[in-house]
């Protein structure tokens, strides 16, 4: 019988394990991913792959697990330049006495561009292929993401008060819509409205956001119920908890990406489920700022979509999604008093597919599924610290560190090759960061 001619493709990755996230809890050993034109076109046993496909670019990752590229669903990327600046303080003191004054002195286009460069370099080295940002000068963040080749959801920031980016809520909205139009056909960059929080954005701008969200069909990314103080102040000011206020404004919907959510009643959880709201859990930032505990076990039991985010490096103090997965799983067990809450495979799903769902990108990324973009993270489990391997998902979530991420692809492009960044200049980023550190320190923050 005549042997069939092999199919020529762009890239083949042979791996010890492939963990596609879809279907749930699936793990394939000695499998291969086949990539063509930036997309996964096949996933099959390596022995069959060798017979069916050929490529000039073949990666043999015999000790690695391939997982979907991690999705950091809540960041303030350029705040990496404020890492460690005002540690060990509660949220409102941290914000009002340190962060906001420093932002007033230092934040401009260059700050955001160079701070985002730093954040993206850190994220790629930790296996993140998509991030959802919220900060001033979103045009600078978008430029940084575009140059690096990472996937990004860029927040169209909105506040009631002026900043270096915009003078009032109308200006924020106008500039945000302009940026959306600029990037709406971009293959890697999407946008989301990003009103900062209910306590910094009044009703009329939120109503405008609702109108434009429905028109443009893009998410709303907002801090919500982050602390007990926020909820108490809202009740004192207008007689309503923030979630109740957003419901009255018609903002609770599957387009809402609600970040933190540490203060929730059972009735509010039911309300969130009814409206299909997405939650972003930021466990390490919430712990560091003593903001409270998101009731992840209760939300998961209601089958509410829960994604993971790091928050900014100014309040975390890193952008390490592997660490965030571990903390999320362990904290959920402790809060619920139930060791079965958020098992390892669920934590991985929170850091990948659930983030894609929240951002409306789940037809593009979030799982290693033929037809989706080749957004891939390779983790080397052949380390003393992750041996022996009884179950690779458990080792990834509970034992692995981000320096075990050796390779990262976004839309088939190799952004991290054997721990080396391919699209970013580490020396230039380091020089820029050192200069910013001196400037901020010399100006007394």
Protein backbone atom coordinates (compact mmCIF):
# COMPACT_ATOMS: atom_id res chain seq x y z
CA UNK A 1 0.00 0.00 0.00
CA UNK A 2 1.36 3.42 -0.98
CA UNK A 3 2.10 5.68 1.99
CA UNK A 4 0.21 8.98 2.01
CA UNK A 5 2.31 12.09 1.48
CA UNK A 6 2.88 14.08 4.67
CA UNK A 7 1.14 17.42 5.06
CA UNK A 8 3.50 20.42 5.33
CA UNK A 9 2.59 22.76 8.21
CA UNK A 10 4.13 25.79 9.93
CA UNK A 11 4.92 24.29 13.34
CA UNK A 12 4.65 20.99 15.19
CA UNK A 13 5.05 20.73 18.98
CA UNK A 14 5.55 17.25 20.44
CA UNK A 15 4.95 17.20 24.20
CA UNK A 16 4.89 14.74 27.06
CA UNK A 17 1.46 16.01 28.08
CA UNK A 18 -1.16 18.25 26.50
CA UNK A 19 -3.79 19.70 28.85
CA UNK A 20 -6.31 21.36 26.54
CA UNK A 21 -8.78 22.47 29.30
CA UNK A 22 -11.60 21.51 26.94
CA UNK A 23 -12.97 18.88 27.51
CA UNK A 24 -12.89 19.28 31.29
CA UNK A 25 -10.18 17.40 33.16
CA UNK A 26 -8.65 15.99 29.97
CA UNK A 27 -4.94 15.15 29.83
CA UNK A 28 -3.25 13.59 26.79
CA UNK A 29 0.15 11.94 27.09
CA UNK A 30 2.70 11.83 24.24
CA UNK A 31 0.57 14.08 22.04
CA UNK A 32 1.34 16.79 19.51
CA UNK A 33 -0.09 20.13 18.47
CA UNK A 34 -0.08 21.09 14.80
CA UNK A 35 -0.09 24.81 13.94
CA UNK A 36 -0.84 26.49 10.64
CA UNK A 37 -1.39 30.21 9.99
CA UNK A 38 -1.40 30.98 13.71
CA UNK A 39 -4.11 28.44 14.55
CA UNK A 40 -4.18 24.96 16.02
CA UNK A 41 -5.33 22.66 13.22
CA UNK A 42 -4.84 19.29 14.91
CA UNK A 43 -4.06 17.59 18.21
CA UNK A 44 -3.20 13.91 17.98
CA UNK A 45 -0.86 11.21 19.35
CA UNK A 46 2.76 11.97 18.48
CA UNK A 47 3.25 8.67 16.67
CA UNK A 48 0.36 9.47 14.33
CA UNK A 49 1.54 13.06 13.95
CA UNK A 50 4.95 11.91 12.71
CA UNK A 51 3.27 9.96 9.93
CA UNK A 52 0.70 12.62 8.98
CA UNK A 53 2.54 15.95 9.20
CA UNK A 54 5.94 17.45 8.54
CA UNK A 55 7.38 20.91 9.24
CA UNK A 56 10.60 22.89 9.11
CA UNK A 57 9.83 23.98 12.71
CA UNK A 58 9.48 21.09 15.14
CA UNK A 59 9.74 21.35 18.92
CA UNK A 60 10.35 18.23 20.99
CA UNK A 61 9.26 19.03 24.53
CA UNK A 62 9.59 15.57 26.03
CA UNK A 63 9.41 16.70 29.66
CA UNK A 64 6.83 19.46 29.25
CA UNK A 65 3.13 19.99 29.71
CA UNK A 66 1.40 22.23 27.18
CA UNK A 67 -1.48 24.30 28.55
CA UNK A 68 -3.45 27.15 27.02
CA UNK A 69 -1.69 30.47 27.39
CA UNK A 70 -2.63 31.92 30.77
CA UNK A 71 -5.10 34.82 30.83
CA UNK A 72 -4.56 37.58 33.38
CA UNK A 73 -8.08 38.98 33.52
CA UNK A 74 -7.33 42.03 35.68
CA UNK A 75 -4.20 44.17 35.48
CA UNK A 76 -2.96 47.71 35.79
CA UNK A 77 0.11 46.81 33.77
CA UNK A 78 2.13 50.01 33.90
CA UNK A 79 1.82 50.17 37.68
CA UNK A 80 4.70 47.69 37.63
CA UNK A 81 6.81 50.85 37.88
CA UNK A 82 5.29 51.32 41.37
CA UNK A 83 6.10 47.79 42.55
CA UNK A 84 7.00 47.89 46.26
CA UNK A 85 6.44 51.63 46.56
CA UNK A 86 3.88 51.64 49.41
CA UNK A 87 3.53 48.18 50.87
CA UNK A 88 1.64 46.87 53.90
CA UNK A 89 -1.22 49.38 53.87
CA UNK A 90 -5.02 49.01 53.56
CA UNK A 91 -6.59 49.85 50.20
CA UNK A 92 -7.92 53.37 50.74
CA UNK A 93 -4.82 54.59 52.60
CA UNK A 94 -2.62 52.97 49.96
CA UNK A 95 -4.60 54.68 47.19
CA UNK A 96 -5.31 58.11 48.62
CA UNK A 97 -2.02 58.79 50.42
CA UNK A 98 0.46 57.11 48.11
CA UNK A 99 -0.73 55.83 44.73
CA UNK A 100 -2.96 58.69 43.61
CA UNK A 101 -0.40 61.39 44.57
CA UNK A 102 2.37 59.48 42.78
CA UNK A 103 0.17 59.08 39.70
CA UNK A 104 -0.55 62.83 39.69
CA UNK A 105 3.20 63.52 39.62
CA UNK A 106 4.44 60.87 37.24
CA UNK A 107 1.84 59.27 34.99
CA UNK A 108 2.11 60.25 31.34
CA UNK A 109 2.28 58.44 28.01
CA UNK A 110 5.93 57.43 28.49
CA UNK A 111 5.26 56.08 32.01
CA UNK A 112 2.44 53.87 30.74
CA UNK A 113 4.33 52.70 27.66
CA UNK A 114 7.51 51.75 29.50
CA UNK A 115 5.68 50.36 32.53
CA UNK A 116 3.55 48.19 30.27
CA UNK A 117 6.67 46.97 28.45
CA UNK A 118 7.99 45.80 31.82
CA UNK A 119 4.71 44.12 32.72
CA UNK A 120 4.41 42.33 29.38
CA UNK A 121 7.96 40.99 29.65
CA UNK A 122 7.17 39.62 33.11
CA UNK A 123 3.85 38.16 32.00
CA UNK A 124 5.22 36.39 28.94
CA UNK A 125 8.03 34.89 31.02
CA UNK A 126 5.33 33.56 33.36
CA UNK A 127 3.21 31.97 30.63
CA UNK A 128 0.59 34.70 30.19
CA UNK A 129 -0.57 35.23 26.62
CA UNK A 130 -3.56 37.54 27.22
CA UNK A 131 -4.08 40.36 29.71
CA UNK A 132 -7.04 42.60 30.50
CA UNK A 133 -5.81 46.07 31.42
CA UNK A 134 -7.28 49.13 33.11
CA UNK A 135 -5.22 52.32 33.33
CA UNK A 136 -4.60 55.81 32.02
CA UNK A 137 -3.20 56.29 28.49
CA UNK A 138 -4.67 53.05 27.17
CA UNK A 139 -3.28 54.02 23.76
CA UNK A 140 0.22 53.54 25.19
CA UNK A 141 -0.68 50.13 26.63
CA UNK A 142 -2.16 49.09 23.28
CA UNK A 143 1.00 50.15 21.46
CA UNK A 144 3.13 48.16 23.90
CA UNK A 145 0.99 45.04 23.46
CA UNK A 146 1.04 45.40 19.68
CA UNK A 147 4.82 45.67 19.58
CA UNK A 148 5.30 42.69 21.89
CA UNK A 149 2.82 40.49 20.03
CA UNK A 150 0.80 39.60 23.14
CA UNK A 151 -3.00 39.41 23.16
CA UNK A 152 -4.63 42.20 25.17
CA UNK A 153 -8.01 43.57 26.15
CA UNK A 154 -7.36 47.29 26.62
CA UNK A 155 -9.58 49.08 29.13
CA UNK A 156 -11.20 52.33 28.04
CA UNK A 157 -10.75 53.97 31.43
CA UNK A 158 -13.43 56.27 32.86
CA UNK A 159 -13.52 58.43 36.00
CA UNK A 160 -15.51 61.43 37.17
CA UNK A 161 -12.37 63.45 37.89
CA UNK A 162 -9.64 64.73 35.57
CA UNK A 163 -6.29 63.06 34.99
CA UNK A 164 -3.35 63.47 32.65
CA UNK A 165 -5.33 61.32 30.16
CA UNK A 166 -8.71 63.10 30.13
CA UNK A 167 -10.41 66.12 31.66
CA UNK A 168 -13.89 64.72 32.48
CA UNK A 169 -16.15 61.72 31.90
CA UNK A 170 -17.15 62.90 28.42
CA UNK A 171 -13.50 63.23 27.45
CA UNK A 172 -12.74 59.73 28.78
CA UNK A 173 -15.64 58.31 26.78
CA UNK A 174 -14.73 60.18 23.57
CA UNK A 175 -11.08 59.11 23.71
CA UNK A 176 -12.06 55.56 24.60
CA UNK A 177 -14.38 55.22 21.61
CA UNK A 178 -11.67 56.61 19.35
CA UNK A 179 -9.25 53.97 20.62
CA UNK A 180 -11.84 51.24 20.13
CA UNK A 181 -12.28 52.30 16.53
CA UNK A 182 -8.52 52.32 16.00
CA UNK A 183 -8.11 48.71 17.15
CA UNK A 184 -11.44 47.08 16.38
CA UNK A 185 -10.02 45.02 13.50
CA UNK A 186 -6.71 44.22 15.18
CA UNK A 187 -5.99 40.47 15.38
CA UNK A 188 -4.66 40.59 18.96
CA UNK A 189 -6.06 43.72 20.61
CA UNK A 190 -9.64 44.11 21.78
CA UNK A 191 -11.20 46.73 24.06
CA UNK A 192 -13.48 46.92 27.08
CA UNK A 193 -15.10 49.88 28.78
CA UNK A 194 -13.35 50.33 32.11
CA UNK A 195 -15.20 52.59 34.56
CA UNK A 196 -12.87 52.44 37.54
CA UNK A 197 -15.38 51.72 40.33
CA UNK A 198 -18.85 52.76 41.52
CA UNK A 199 -17.26 55.17 44.02
CA UNK A 200 -15.31 57.02 41.30
CA UNK A 201 -17.92 57.07 38.50
CA UNK A 202 -21.37 58.62 38.89
CA UNK A 203 -24.66 57.46 37.34
CA UNK A 204 -24.76 59.53 34.10
CA UNK A 205 -21.37 58.26 32.79
CA UNK A 206 -22.29 54.69 33.77
CA UNK A 207 -25.54 55.05 31.83
CA UNK A 208 -23.55 56.21 28.79
CA UNK A 209 -21.24 53.22 29.16
CA UNK A 210 -24.27 50.93 29.17
CA UNK A 211 -25.56 52.50 25.96
CA UNK A 212 -22.25 52.20 24.14
CA UNK A 213 -21.58 48.71 25.47
CA UNK A 214 -24.80 47.45 23.94
CA UNK A 215 -24.00 49.25 20.68
CA UNK A 216 -20.40 48.01 20.40
CA UNK A 217 -20.88 44.63 22.15
CA UNK A 218 -17.73 44.89 24.27
CA UNK A 219 -17.29 44.09 27.99
CA UNK A 220 -17.45 46.42 30.98
CA UNK A 221 -14.46 45.96 33.30
CA UNK A 222 -15.01 47.44 36.79
CA UNK A 223 -13.78 47.10 40.39
CA UNK A 224 -16.78 46.08 42.49
CA UNK A 225 -17.36 45.25 46.16
CA UNK A 226 -13.62 45.22 46.78
CA UNK A 227 -13.79 46.14 50.48
CA UNK A 228 -16.33 46.41 53.27
CA UNK A 229 -15.50 50.13 53.46
CA UNK A 230 -16.57 50.59 49.82
CA UNK A 231 -19.93 48.92 50.49
CA UNK A 232 -20.52 50.82 53.74
CA UNK A 233 -19.73 54.17 52.11
CA UNK A 234 -22.08 53.44 49.23
CA UNK A 235 -24.92 52.62 51.62
CA UNK A 236 -24.20 55.78 53.62
CA UNK A 237 -24.07 57.95 50.46
CA UNK A 238 -27.05 56.67 48.48
CA UNK A 239 -28.75 53.98 50.54
CA UNK A 240 -27.72 51.17 48.17
CA UNK A 241 -25.01 48.56 48.00
CA UNK A 242 -23.00 49.02 44.77
CA UNK A 243 -24.36 45.86 43.11
CA UNK A 244 -27.93 47.06 43.72
CA UNK A 245 -27.04 50.40 42.14
CA UNK A 246 -25.54 48.72 39.07
CA UNK A 247 -28.61 46.52 38.73
CA UNK A 248 -30.86 49.59 38.75
CA UNK A 249 -28.68 51.12 36.03
CA UNK A 250 -29.03 47.96 33.94
CA UNK A 251 -25.31 47.12 34.05
CA UNK A 252 -25.57 43.59 35.38
CA UNK A 253 -25.22 41.33 32.33
CA UNK A 254 -22.90 38.74 30.73
CA UNK A 255 -20.85 41.71 29.47
CA UNK A 256 -19.98 42.79 33.01
CA UNK A 257 -16.53 41.76 34.27
CA UNK A 258 -16.68 42.45 38.01
CA UNK A 259 -13.33 42.46 39.78
CA UNK A 260 -12.62 41.48 43.42
CA UNK A 261 -16.15 40.87 44.81
CA UNK A 262 -14.99 40.15 48.35
CA UNK A 263 -18.20 41.39 49.98
CA UNK A 264 -21.18 39.38 48.73
CA UNK A 265 -24.41 38.24 50.32
CA UNK A 266 -26.14 35.04 49.28
CA UNK A 267 -28.88 37.11 47.61
CA UNK A 268 -26.26 39.02 45.62
CA UNK A 269 -24.68 35.77 44.47
CA UNK A 270 -28.09 34.65 43.22
CA UNK A 271 -28.47 38.01 41.45
CA UNK A 272 -25.09 37.64 39.76
CA UNK A 273 -26.04 34.19 38.55
CA UNK A 274 -29.36 35.42 37.18
CA UNK A 275 -27.67 38.15 35.14
CA UNK A 276 -24.72 36.03 33.97
CA UNK A 277 -22.10 38.37 35.46
CA UNK A 278 -18.42 37.34 35.21
CA UNK A 279 -16.23 37.51 38.32
CA UNK A 280 -12.48 38.16 38.39
CA UNK A 281 -10.85 36.86 41.55
CA UNK A 282 -7.54 38.50 42.58
CA UNK A 283 -6.64 36.50 45.68
CA UNK A 284 -3.08 37.70 46.30
CA UNK A 285 -3.89 41.40 45.97
CA UNK A 286 -6.95 40.98 48.19
CA UNK A 287 -4.82 39.23 50.81
CA UNK A 288 -2.04 41.82 50.68
CA UNK A 289 -4.44 44.75 51.04
CA UNK A 290 -6.58 42.84 53.59
CA UNK A 291 -9.60 43.59 51.41
CA UNK A 292 -11.48 40.40 52.24
CA UNK A 293 -12.21 37.01 50.72
CA UNK A 294 -14.14 36.41 47.53
CA UNK A 295 -16.59 33.53 48.25
CA UNK A 296 -15.24 31.45 45.38
CA UNK A 297 -16.73 28.20 46.67
CA UNK A 298 -20.26 29.63 46.73
CA UNK A 299 -19.85 31.29 43.34
CA UNK A 300 -18.50 28.08 41.82
CA UNK A 301 -21.37 26.08 43.27
CA UNK A 302 -23.75 28.42 41.41
CA UNK A 303 -21.73 27.85 38.20
CA UNK A 304 -20.89 31.55 37.93
CA UNK A 305 -17.93 32.17 35.63
CA UNK A 306 -14.86 32.98 37.75
CA UNK A 307 -11.63 34.12 36.12
CA UNK A 308 -8.30 35.03 37.74
CA UNK A 309 -6.26 38.21 37.76
CA UNK A 310 -3.17 39.45 39.50
CA UNK A 311 -4.24 43.09 39.87
CA UNK A 312 -1.32 45.48 39.44
CA UNK A 313 2.22 44.77 40.60
CA UNK A 314 1.88 47.75 42.95
CA UNK A 315 -0.49 45.71 45.11
CA UNK A 316 0.55 42.09 44.53
CA UNK A 317 3.64 42.53 43.93
CA UNK A 318 4.02 40.38 40.84
CA UNK A 319 2.12 39.31 37.72
CA UNK A 320 2.57 35.58 38.32
CA UNK A 321 -0.49 33.64 37.21
CA UNK A 322 0.92 30.27 38.31
CA UNK A 323 1.20 31.63 41.84
CA UNK A 324 -2.28 33.13 41.55
CA UNK A 325 -3.73 29.72 40.63
CA UNK A 326 -2.18 28.10 43.67
CA UNK A 327 -3.33 30.86 46.02
CA UNK A 328 -6.85 30.81 44.57
CA UNK A 329 -7.18 27.06 45.06
CA UNK A 330 -5.76 27.03 48.58
CA UNK A 331 -7.63 30.12 49.78
CA UNK A 332 -10.96 28.83 48.44
CA UNK A 333 -10.53 25.62 50.43
CA UNK A 334 -9.74 27.52 53.61
CA UNK A 335 -12.62 29.98 53.26
CA UNK A 336 -15.13 27.23 52.44
CA UNK A 337 -13.77 24.77 54.99
CA UNK A 338 -13.86 22.17 52.24
CA UNK A 339 -10.71 20.64 50.72
CA UNK A 340 -12.61 19.63 47.57
CA UNK A 341 -13.44 23.23 46.60
CA UNK A 342 -11.54 24.48 43.50
CA UNK A 343 -9.54 21.39 42.57
CA UNK A 344 -6.43 21.84 40.43
CA UNK A 345 -8.18 21.43 37.08
CA UNK A 346 -10.73 24.11 38.06
CA UNK A 347 -7.95 26.52 39.06
CA UNK A 348 -6.30 26.00 35.65
CA UNK A 349 -9.62 26.63 33.92
CA UNK A 350 -10.06 29.85 35.92
CA UNK A 351 -6.66 31.00 34.65
CA UNK A 352 -7.40 30.17 31.01
CA UNK A 353 -10.81 29.45 29.49
CA UNK A 354 -12.83 31.30 32.13
CA UNK A 355 -10.82 34.45 31.45
CA UNK A 356 -11.46 34.09 27.74
CA UNK A 357 -15.18 33.71 28.41
CA UNK A 358 -15.22 36.85 30.58
CA UNK A 359 -13.51 38.87 27.85
CA UNK A 360 -15.63 37.47 25.01
CA UNK A 361 -12.57 35.77 23.50
CA UNK A 362 -13.47 32.13 24.11
CA UNK A 363 -13.97 31.38 20.40
CA UNK A 364 -10.38 32.58 19.87
CA UNK A 365 -8.34 31.48 22.88
CA UNK A 366 -8.53 29.88 26.34
CA UNK A 367 -8.18 26.22 25.34
CA UNK A 368 -6.01 24.12 23.05
CA UNK A 369 -8.76 23.33 20.61
CA UNK A 370 -8.38 22.90 16.84
CA UNK A 371 -9.64 26.08 15.21
CA UNK A 372 -8.52 28.35 18.03
CA UNK A 373 -5.43 30.55 18.04
CA UNK A 374 -2.17 28.85 18.95
CA UNK A 375 -1.82 30.63 22.30
CA UNK A 376 0.30 28.12 24.19
CA UNK A 377 2.35 27.87 27.37
CA UNK A 378 4.96 25.10 27.81
CA UNK A 379 5.91 24.16 31.40
CA UNK A 380 8.88 21.91 32.08
CA UNK A 381 7.92 19.46 34.83
CA UNK A 382 11.27 17.66 34.76
CA UNK A 383 12.54 19.57 37.77
CA UNK A 384 13.35 18.25 41.22
CA UNK A 385 10.60 20.49 42.63
CA UNK A 386 7.90 18.93 40.44
CA UNK A 387 8.92 15.29 40.60
CA UNK A 388 7.49 12.70 40.63
CA UNK A 389 4.56 13.51 38.36
CA UNK A 390 1.47 11.56 39.36
CA UNK A 391 -0.83 14.11 37.75
CA UNK A 392 0.56 17.01 35.67
CA UNK A 393 -2.31 19.39 36.45
CA UNK A 394 -1.73 19.02 40.17
CA UNK A 395 1.99 19.62 39.71
CA UNK A 396 1.33 22.75 37.65
CA UNK A 397 -1.11 24.27 40.14
CA UNK A 398 0.43 23.21 43.44
CA UNK A 399 4.16 22.81 42.77
CA UNK A 400 5.44 24.59 39.67
CA UNK A 401 7.09 28.01 39.46
CA UNK A 402 7.10 30.48 36.62
CA UNK A 403 10.77 29.88 35.79
CA UNK A 404 9.59 26.44 34.58
CA UNK A 405 7.77 28.17 31.73
CA UNK A 406 10.23 27.68 28.88
CA UNK A 407 8.23 28.56 25.77
CA UNK A 408 5.23 30.71 24.93
CA UNK A 409 3.40 31.20 21.64
CA UNK A 410 0.71 33.76 20.81
CA UNK A 411 -1.19 33.12 17.60
CA UNK A 412 1.59 30.75 16.59
CA UNK A 413 4.36 33.31 17.11
CA UNK A 414 7.13 32.17 19.45
CA UNK A 415 7.35 34.97 22.04
CA UNK A 416 9.42 33.02 24.58
CA UNK A 417 11.95 30.56 23.17
CA UNK A 418 13.75 28.46 25.77
CA UNK A 419 13.33 31.29 28.34
CA UNK A 420 14.48 33.99 25.89
CA UNK A 421 12.08 36.78 24.91
CA UNK A 422 11.97 37.19 21.14
CA UNK A 423 10.08 40.47 20.67
CA UNK A 424 11.25 42.57 23.63
CA UNK A 425 14.57 44.20 24.45
CA UNK A 426 15.31 43.24 28.06
CA UNK A 427 18.32 45.57 28.34
CA UNK A 428 16.32 48.60 27.18
CA UNK A 429 13.38 47.74 29.44
CA UNK A 430 15.73 47.38 32.41
CA UNK A 431 17.37 50.73 31.69
CA UNK A 432 13.99 52.45 31.42
CA UNK A 433 12.80 50.90 34.68
CA UNK A 434 15.92 51.95 36.58
CA UNK A 435 15.47 55.53 35.38
CA UNK A 436 11.83 55.58 36.48
CA UNK A 437 12.76 54.10 39.85
CA UNK A 438 15.30 56.87 40.47
CA UNK A 439 12.87 59.58 39.35
CA UNK A 440 9.98 58.36 41.53
CA UNK A 441 12.26 57.83 44.54
CA UNK A 442 13.94 61.23 44.18
CA UNK A 443 10.54 62.95 43.92
CA UNK A 444 9.46 61.32 47.18
CA UNK A 445 7.03 59.06 45.35
